Amino acid sequence: MSLNELDTLMNKLDERKSTHPNLASVWLNYLTIKKEKLEEAISDANKMLEICNRVENDMTHESIYILWCLMRNIRE
C-alpha cells in the first residue's frame, strides 16, 4: 500500500466519523501512528543511502546488531 492509498483510506475513515465515531477514531489514531513511524523509517533509510554514498565499506552484521542494541537501550 502506498502512502497515497493510506491517505485515501484515512479520508474515508474520517468521513465515517459522523456515523461511526468510535470505530473511525480508533482506526484513524492507529493508522496515524503507523504512518508517522513509516515516514520516520523512510527518512532514516534515505539518510543511510546518503551515508553509503560517502563510505565505501559495509558494516558487519555484528556491528549492526551492537548499534541496534545500543540505540534500543538509549531510547528506553
PDB file of N, CA and C in Angstrom:
ATOM      1  N   MET A   1       0.848  -1.174   0.000  1.00  0.00           N
ATOM      2  CA  MET A   1       0.000   0.000   0.000  1.00  0.00           C
ATOM      3  C   MET A   1       0.890   1.233   0.000  1.00  0.00           C
ATOM      4  N   SER A   2       0.569   2.156  -0.886  1.00  0.00           N
ATOM      5  CA  SER A   2       1.341   3.393  -0.964  1.00  0.00           C
ATOM      6  C   SER A   2       0.815   4.400   0.065  1.00  0.00           C
ATOM      7  N   LEU A   3       1.592   5.435   0.287  1.00  0.00           N
ATOM      8  CA  LEU A   3       1.152   6.479   1.208  1.00  0.00           C
ATOM      9  C   LEU A   3      -0.103   7.174   0.685  1.00  0.00           C
ATOM     10  N   ASN A   4      -0.235   7.290  -0.635  1.00  0.00           N
ATOM     11  CA  ASN A   4      -1.448   7.891  -1.205  1.00  0.00           C
ATOM     12  C   ASN A   4      -2.676   7.036  -0.898  1.00  0.00           C
ATOM     13  N   GLU A   5      -2.513   5.723  -1.013  1.00  0.00           N
ATOM     14  CA  GLU A   5      -3.629   4.828  -0.681  1.00  0.00           C
ATOM     15  C   GLU A   5      -3.978   4.907   0.799  1.00  0.00           C
ATOM     16  N   LEU A   6      -2.959   5.041   1.628  1.00  0.00           N
ATOM     17  CA  LEU A   6      -3.184   5.184   3.059  1.00  0.00           C
ATOM     18  C   LEU A   6      -3.938   6.483   3.350  1.00  0.00           C
ATOM     19  N   ASP A   7      -3.537   7.555   2.704  1.00  0.00           N
ATOM     20  CA  ASP A   7      -4.238   8.828   2.883  1.00  0.00           C
ATOM     21  C   ASP A   7      -5.691   8.724   2.441  1.00  0.00           C
ATOM     22  N   THR A   8      -5.942   8.032   1.329  1.00  0.00           N
ATOM     23  CA  THR A   8      -7.309   7.841   0.844  1.00  0.00           C
ATOM     24  C   THR A   8      -8.135   7.062   1.869  1.00  0.00           C
ATOM     25  N   LEU A   9      -7.562   6.003   2.407  1.00  0.00           N
ATOM     26  CA  LEU A   9      -8.235   5.209   3.427  1.00  0.00           C
ATOM     27  C   LEU A   9      -8.545   6.060   4.659  1.00  0.00           C
ATOM     28  N   MET A  10      -7.577   6.853   5.078  1.00  0.00           N
ATOM     29  CA  MET A  10      -7.775   7.699   6.256  1.00  0.00           C
ATOM     30  C   MET A  10      -8.868   8.743   5.999  1.00  0.00           C
ATOM     31  N   ASN A  11      -8.946   9.257   4.786  1.00  0.00           N
ATOM     32  CA  ASN A  11     -10.011  10.199   4.441  1.00  0.00           C
ATOM     33  C   ASN A  11     -11.377   9.522   4.499  1.00  0.00           C
ATOM     34  N   LYS A  12     -11.458   8.282   4.023  1.00  0.00           N
ATOM     35  CA  LYS A  12     -12.712   7.531   4.083  1.00  0.00           C
ATOM     36  C   LYS A  12     -13.136   7.284   5.531  1.00  0.00           C
ATOM     37  N   LEU A  13     -12.163   6.962   6.367  1.00  0.00           N
ATOM     38  CA  LEU A  13     -12.474   6.771   7.783  1.00  0.00           C
ATOM     39  C   LEU A  13     -12.951   8.079   8.414  1.00  0.00           C
ATOM     40  N   ASP A  14     -12.321   9.175   8.037  1.00  0.00           N
ATOM     41  CA  ASP A  14     -12.714  10.478   8.565  1.00  0.00           C
ATOM     42  C   ASP A  14     -14.161  10.807   8.186  1.00  0.00           C
ATOM     43  N   GLU A  15     -14.562  10.412   6.985  1.00  0.00           N
ATOM     44  CA  GLU A  15     -15.936  10.639   6.540  1.00  0.00           C
ATOM     45  C   GLU A  15     -16.939   9.836   7.358  1.00  0.00           C
ATOM     46  N   ARG A  16     -16.504   8.714   7.912  1.00  0.00           N
ATOM     47  CA  ARG A  16     -17.384   7.849   8.707  1.00  0.00           C
ATOM     48  C   ARG A  16     -17.506   8.295  10.164  1.00  0.00           C
ATOM     49  N   LYS A  17     -16.774   9.324  10.548  1.00  0.00           N
ATOM     50  CA  LYS A  17     -16.814   9.777  11.934  1.00  0.00           C
ATOM     51  C   LYS A  17     -18.218  10.200  12.371  1.00  0.00           C
ATOM     52  N   SER A  18     -19.008  10.710  11.437  1.00  0.00           N
ATOM     53  CA  SER A  18     -20.347  11.158  11.811  1.00  0.00           C
ATOM     54  C   SER A  18     -21.276   9.987  12.145  1.00  0.00           C
ATOM     55  N   THR A  19     -21.084   8.854  11.481  1.00  0.00           N
ATOM     56  CA  THR A  19     -21.952   7.700  11.732  1.00  0.00           C
ATOM     57  C   THR A  19     -21.331   6.666  12.662  1.00  0.00           C
ATOM     58  N   HIS A  20     -20.013   6.567  12.652  1.00  0.00           N
ATOM     59  CA  HIS A  20     -19.308   5.583  13.476  1.00  0.00           C
ATOM     60  C   HIS A  20     -18.089   6.244  14.143  1.00  0.00           C
ATOM     61  N   PRO A  21     -18.343   7.189  15.048  1.00  0.00           N
ATOM     62  CA  PRO A  21     -17.236   7.971  15.608  1.00  0.00           C
ATOM     63  C   PRO A  21     -16.192   7.155  16.367  1.00  0.00           C
ATOM     64  N   ASN A  22     -16.625   6.155  17.103  1.00  0.00           N
ATOM     65  CA  ASN A  22     -15.670   5.381  17.905  1.00  0.00           C
ATOM     66  C   ASN A  22     -14.770   4.512  17.035  1.00  0.00           C
ATOM     67  N   LEU A  23     -15.374   3.756  16.133  1.00  0.00           N
ATOM     68  CA  LEU A  23     -14.584   2.894  15.252  1.00  0.00           C
ATOM     69  C   LEU A  23     -13.660   3.719  14.357  1.00  0.00           C
ATOM     70  N   ALA A  24     -14.187   4.764  13.781  1.00  0.00           N
ATOM     71  CA  ALA A  24     -13.379   5.592  12.887  1.00  0.00           C
ATOM     72  C   ALA A  24     -12.219   6.232  13.641  1.00  0.00           C
ATOM     73  N   SER A  25     -12.474   6.710  14.850  1.00  0.00           N
ATOM     74  CA  SER A  25     -11.411   7.362  15.637  1.00  0.00           C
ATOM     75  C   SER A  25     -10.307   6.391  16.027  1.00  0.00           C
ATOM     76  N   VAL A  26     -10.705   5.189  16.430  1.00  0.00           N
ATOM     77  CA  VAL A  26      -9.698   4.183  16.806  1.00  0.00           C
ATOM     78  C   VAL A  26      -8.800   3.874  15.607  1.00  0.00           C
ATOM     79  N   TRP A  27      -9.407   3.614  14.450  1.00  0.00           N
ATOM     80  CA  TRP A  27      -8.624   3.289  13.261  1.00  0.00           C
ATOM     81  C   TRP A  27      -7.785   4.473  12.795  1.00  0.00           C
ATOM     82  N   LEU A  28      -8.344   5.669  12.858  1.00  0.00           N
ATOM     83  CA  LEU A  28      -7.571   6.844  12.446  1.00  0.00           C
ATOM     84  C   LEU A  28      -6.362   7.049  13.348  1.00  0.00           C
ATOM     85  N   ASN A  29      -6.544   6.900  14.642  1.00  0.00           N
ATOM     86  CA  ASN A  29      -5.416   7.042  15.567  1.00  0.00           C
ATOM     87  C   ASN A  29      -4.354   5.982  15.295  1.00  0.00           C
ATOM     88  N   TYR A  30      -4.783   4.744  15.112  1.00  0.00           N
ATOM     89  CA  TYR A  30      -3.856   3.644  14.845  1.00  0.00           C
ATOM     90  C   TYR A  30      -3.073   3.902  13.553  1.00  0.00           C
ATOM     91  N   LEU A  31      -3.779   4.253  12.486  1.00  0.00           N
ATOM     92  CA  LEU A  31      -3.118   4.476  11.200  1.00  0.00           C
ATOM     93  C   LEU A  31      -2.234   5.720  11.207  1.00  0.00           C
ATOM     94  N   THR A  32      -2.608   6.724  11.959  1.00  0.00           N
ATOM     95  CA  THR A  32      -1.780   7.925  12.075  1.00  0.00           C
ATOM     96  C   THR A  32      -0.429   7.588  12.702  1.00  0.00           C
ATOM     97  N   ILE A  33      -0.468   6.796  13.756  1.00  0.00           N
ATOM     98  CA  ILE A  33       0.776   6.382  14.421  1.00  0.00           C
ATOM     99  C   ILE A  33       1.627   5.543  13.472  1.00  0.00           C
ATOM    100  N   LYS A  34       1.007   4.588  12.787  1.00  0.00           N
ATOM    101  CA  LYS A  34       1.744   3.743  11.847  1.00  0.00           C
ATOM    102  C   LYS A  34       2.336   4.565  10.703  1.00  0.00           C
ATOM    103  N   LYS A  35       1.575   5.547  10.206  1.00  0.00           N
ATOM    104  CA  LYS A  35       2.058   6.388   9.113  1.00  0.00           C
ATOM    105  C   LYS A  35       3.265   7.208   9.557  1.00  0.00           C
ATOM    106  N   GLU A  36       3.205   7.767  10.765  1.00  0.00           N
ATOM    107  CA  GLU A  36       4.339   8.539  11.290  1.00  0.00           C
ATOM    108  C   GLU A  36       5.581   7.663  11.411  1.00  0.00           C
ATOM    109  N   LYS A  37       5.409   6.439  11.906  1.00  0.00           N
ATOM    110  CA  LYS A  37       6.543   5.512  12.037  1.00  0.00           C
ATOM    111  C   LYS A  37       7.111   5.137  10.665  1.00  0.00           C
ATOM    112  N   LEU A  38       6.226   4.926   9.683  1.00  0.00           N
ATOM    113  CA  LEU A  38       6.685   4.595   8.342  1.00  0.00           C
ATOM    114  C   LEU A  38       7.447   5.756   7.725  1.00  0.00           C
ATOM    115  N   GLU A  39       6.933   6.980   7.877  1.00  0.00           N
ATOM    116  CA  GLU A  39       7.624   8.150   7.344  1.00  0.00           C
ATOM    117  C   GLU A  39       8.990   8.332   7.996  1.00  0.00           C
ATOM    118  N   GLU A  40       9.070   8.047   9.293  1.00  0.00           N
ATOM    119  CA  GLU A  40      10.350   8.114  10.006  1.00  0.00           C
ATOM    120  C   GLU A  40      11.318   7.062   9.476  1.00  0.00           C
ATOM    121  N   ALA A  41      10.832   5.855   9.230  1.00  0.00           N
ATOM    122  CA  ALA A  41      11.680   4.781   8.701  1.00  0.00           C
ATOM    123  C   ALA A  41      12.166   5.121   7.293  1.00  0.00           C
ATOM    124  N   ILE A  42      11.308   5.704   6.478  1.00  0.00           N
ATOM    125  CA  ILE A  42      11.699   6.109   5.128  1.00  0.00           C
ATOM    126  C   ILE A  42      12.778   7.181   5.195  1.00  0.00           C
ATOM    127  N   SER A  43      12.610   8.126   6.092  1.00  0.00           N
ATOM    128  CA  SER A  43      13.617   9.176   6.267  1.00  0.00           C
ATOM    129  C   SER A  43      14.955   8.585   6.721  1.00  0.00           C
ATOM    130  N   ASP A  44      14.911   7.659   7.670  1.00  0.00           N
ATOM    131  CA  ASP A  44      16.132   7.014   8.158  1.00  0.00           C
ATOM    132  C   ASP A  44      16.820   6.223   7.044  1.00  0.00           C
ATOM    133  N   ALA A  45      16.039   5.536   6.220  1.00  0.00           N
ATOM    134  CA  ALA A  45      16.618   4.775   5.112  1.00  0.00           C
ATOM    135  C   ALA A  45      17.274   5.711   4.101  1.00  0.00           C
ATOM    136  N   ASN A  46      16.665   6.841   3.840  1.00  0.00           N
ATOM    137  CA  ASN A  46      17.265   7.822   2.929  1.00  0.00           C
ATOM    138  C   ASN A  46      18.575   8.379   3.484  1.00  0.00           C
ATOM    139  N   LYS A  47      18.622   8.602   4.792  1.00  0.00           N
ATOM    140  CA  LYS A  47      19.859   9.060   5.430  1.00  0.00           C
ATOM    141  C   LYS A  47      20.955   8.009   5.282  1.00  0.00           C
ATOM    142  N   MET A  48      20.582   6.723   5.453  1.00  0.00           N
ATOM    143  CA  MET A  48      21.552   5.644   5.302  1.00  0.00           C
ATOM    144  C   MET A  48      22.089   5.597   3.877  1.00  0.00           C
ATOM    145  N   LEU A  49      21.219   5.816   2.893  1.00  0.00           N
ATOM    146  CA  LEU A  49      21.665   5.817   1.498  1.00  0.00           C
ATOM    147  C   LEU A  49      22.642   6.950   1.233  1.00  0.00           C
ATOM    148  N   GLU A  50      22.414   8.105   1.845  1.00  0.00           N
ATOM    149  CA  GLU A  50      23.346   9.224   1.710  1.00  0.00           C
ATOM    150  C   GLU A  50      24.703   8.877   2.307  1.00  0.00           C
ATOM    151  N   ILE A  51      24.687   8.201   3.446  1.00  0.00           N
ATOM    152  CA  ILE A  51      25.941   7.784   4.086  1.00  0.00           C
ATOM    153  C   ILE A  51      26.663   6.774   3.207  1.00  0.00           C
ATOM    154  N   CYS A  52      25.924   5.861   2.581  1.00  0.00           N
ATOM    155  CA  CYS A  52      26.529   4.853   1.707  1.00  0.00           C
ATOM    156  C   CYS A  52      27.257   5.502   0.525  1.00  0.00           C
ATOM    157  N   ASN A  53      26.809   6.662   0.105  1.00  0.00           N
ATOM    158  CA  ASN A  53      27.482   7.370  -0.986  1.00  0.00           C
ATOM    159  C   ASN A  53      28.844   7.900  -0.567  1.00  0.00           C
ATOM    160  N   ARG A  54      29.027   8.112   0.740  1.00  0.00           N
ATOM    161  CA  ARG A  54      30.287   8.674   1.235  1.00  0.00           C
ATOM    162  C   ARG A  54      31.244   7.621   1.801  1.00  0.00           C
ATOM    163  N   VAL A  55      30.719   6.455   2.158  1.00  0.00           N
ATOM    164  CA  VAL A  55      31.514   5.420   2.821  1.00  0.00           C
ATOM    165  C   VAL A  55      31.577   4.192   1.922  1.00  0.00           C
ATOM    166  N   GLU A  56      32.776   3.657   1.753  1.00  0.00           N
ATOM    167  CA  GLU A  56      32.949   2.506   0.860  1.00  0.00           C
ATOM    168  C   GLU A  56      32.674   1.171   1.544  1.00  0.00           C
ATOM    169  N   ASN A  57      33.081   1.020   2.791  1.00  0.00           N
ATOM    170  CA  ASN A  57      32.986  -0.269   3.473  1.00  0.00           C
ATOM    171  C   ASN A  57      31.605  -0.484   4.083  1.00  0.00           C
ATOM    172  N   ASP A  58      31.135  -1.706   3.968  1.00  0.00           N
ATOM    173  CA  ASP A  58      29.863  -2.083   4.581  1.00  0.00           C
ATOM    174  C   ASP A  58      30.112  -2.473   6.031  1.00  0.00           C
ATOM    175  N   MET A  59      29.068  -2.386   6.856  1.00  0.00           N
ATOM    176  CA  MET A  59      29.172  -2.801   8.252  1.00  0.00           C
ATOM    177  C   MET A  59      28.905  -4.309   8.338  1.00  0.00           C
ATOM    178  N   THR A  60      29.523  -4.945   9.329  1.00  0.00           N
ATOM    179  CA  THR A  60      29.262  -6.358   9.560  1.00  0.00           C
ATOM    180  C   THR A  60      27.910  -6.510  10.264  1.00  0.00           C
ATOM    181  N   HIS A  61      27.350  -7.708  10.189  1.00  0.00           N
ATOM    182  CA  HIS A  61      26.100  -7.977  10.891  1.00  0.00           C
ATOM    183  C   HIS A  61      26.264  -7.739  12.394  1.00  0.00           C
ATOM    184  N   GLU A  62      27.410  -8.112  12.915  1.00  0.00           N
ATOM    185  CA  GLU A  62      27.668  -7.946  14.346  1.00  0.00           C
ATOM    186  C   GLU A  62      27.663  -6.478  14.738  1.00  0.00           C
ATOM    187  N   SER A  63      28.300  -5.642  13.915  1.00  0.00           N
ATOM    188  CA  SER A  63      28.336  -4.205  14.205  1.00  0.00           C
ATOM    189  C   SER A  63      26.940  -3.594  14.160  1.00  0.00           C
ATOM    190  N   ILE A  64      26.172  -4.010  13.197  1.00  0.00           N
ATOM    191  CA  ILE A  64      24.799  -3.513  13.083  1.00  0.00           C
ATOM    192  C   ILE A  64      23.994  -3.930  14.316  1.00  0.00           C
ATOM    193  N   TYR A  65      24.144  -5.161  14.736  1.00  0.00           N
ATOM    194  CA  TYR A  65      23.424  -5.652  15.907  1.00  0.00           C
ATOM    195  C   TYR A  65      23.828  -4.886  17.169  1.00  0.00           C
ATOM    196  N   ILE A  66      25.124  -4.650  17.337  1.00  0.00           N
ATOM    197  CA  ILE A  66      25.599  -3.903  18.508  1.00  0.00           C
ATOM    198  C   ILE A  66      25.029  -2.496  18.509  1.00  0.00           C
ATOM    199  N   LEU A  67      25.052  -1.826  17.368  1.00  0.00           N
ATOM    200  CA  LEU A  67      24.479  -0.480  17.284  1.00  0.00           C
ATOM    201  C   LEU A  67      22.987  -0.494  17.585  1.00  0.00           C
ATOM    202  N   TRP A  68      22.286  -1.496  17.070  1.00  0.00           N
ATOM    203  CA  TRP A  68      20.857  -1.611  17.323  1.00  0.00           C
ATOM    204  C   TRP A  68      20.590  -1.769  18.824  1.00  0.00           C
ATOM    205  N   CYS A  69      21.382  -2.623  19.481  1.00  0.00           N
ATOM    206  CA  CYS A  69      21.219  -2.826  20.922  1.00  0.00           C
ATOM    207  C   CYS A  69      21.487  -1.546  21.703  1.00  0.00           C
ATOM    208  N   LEU A  70      22.524  -0.834  21.317  1.00  0.00           N
ATOM    209  CA  LEU A  70      22.848   0.417  21.996  1.00  0.00           C
ATOM    210  C   LEU A  70      21.732   1.451  21.824  1.00  0.00           C
ATOM    211  N   MET A  71      21.239   1.595  20.614  1.00  0.00           N
ATOM    212  CA  MET A  71      20.178   2.564  20.354  1.00  0.00           C
ATOM    213  C   MET A  71      18.896   2.178  21.097  1.00  0.00           C
ATOM    214  N   ARG A  72      18.620   0.899  21.161  1.00  0.00           N
ATOM    215  CA  ARG A  72      17.428   0.429  21.884  1.00  0.00           C
ATOM    216  C   ARG A  72      17.526   0.764  23.354  1.00  0.00           C
ATOM    217  N   ASN A  73      18.705   0.561  23.943  1.00  0.00           N
ATOM    218  CA  ASN A  73      18.904   0.862  25.361  1.00  0.00           C
ATOM    219  C   ASN A  73      18.843   2.359  25.634  1.00  0.00           C
ATOM    220  N   ILE A  74      19.348   3.155  24.703  1.00  0.00           N
ATOM    221  CA  ILE A  74      19.313   4.607  24.882  1.00  0.00           C
ATOM    222  C   ILE A  74      17.882   5.122  24.843  1.00  0.00           C
ATOM    223  N   ARG A  75      17.061   4.555  23.954  1.00  0.00           N
ATOM    224  CA  ARG A  75      15.681   5.016  23.811  1.00  0.00           C
ATOM    225  C   ARG A  75      14.780   4.588  24.967  1.00  0.00           C
ATOM    226  N   GLU A  76      15.171   3.542  25.687  1.00  0.00           N
ATOM    227  CA  GLU A  76      14.327   3.043  26.792  1.00  0.00           C
ATOM    228  C   GLU A  76      14.593   3.757  28.064  1.00  0.00           C
TER     229      GLU A  76
END
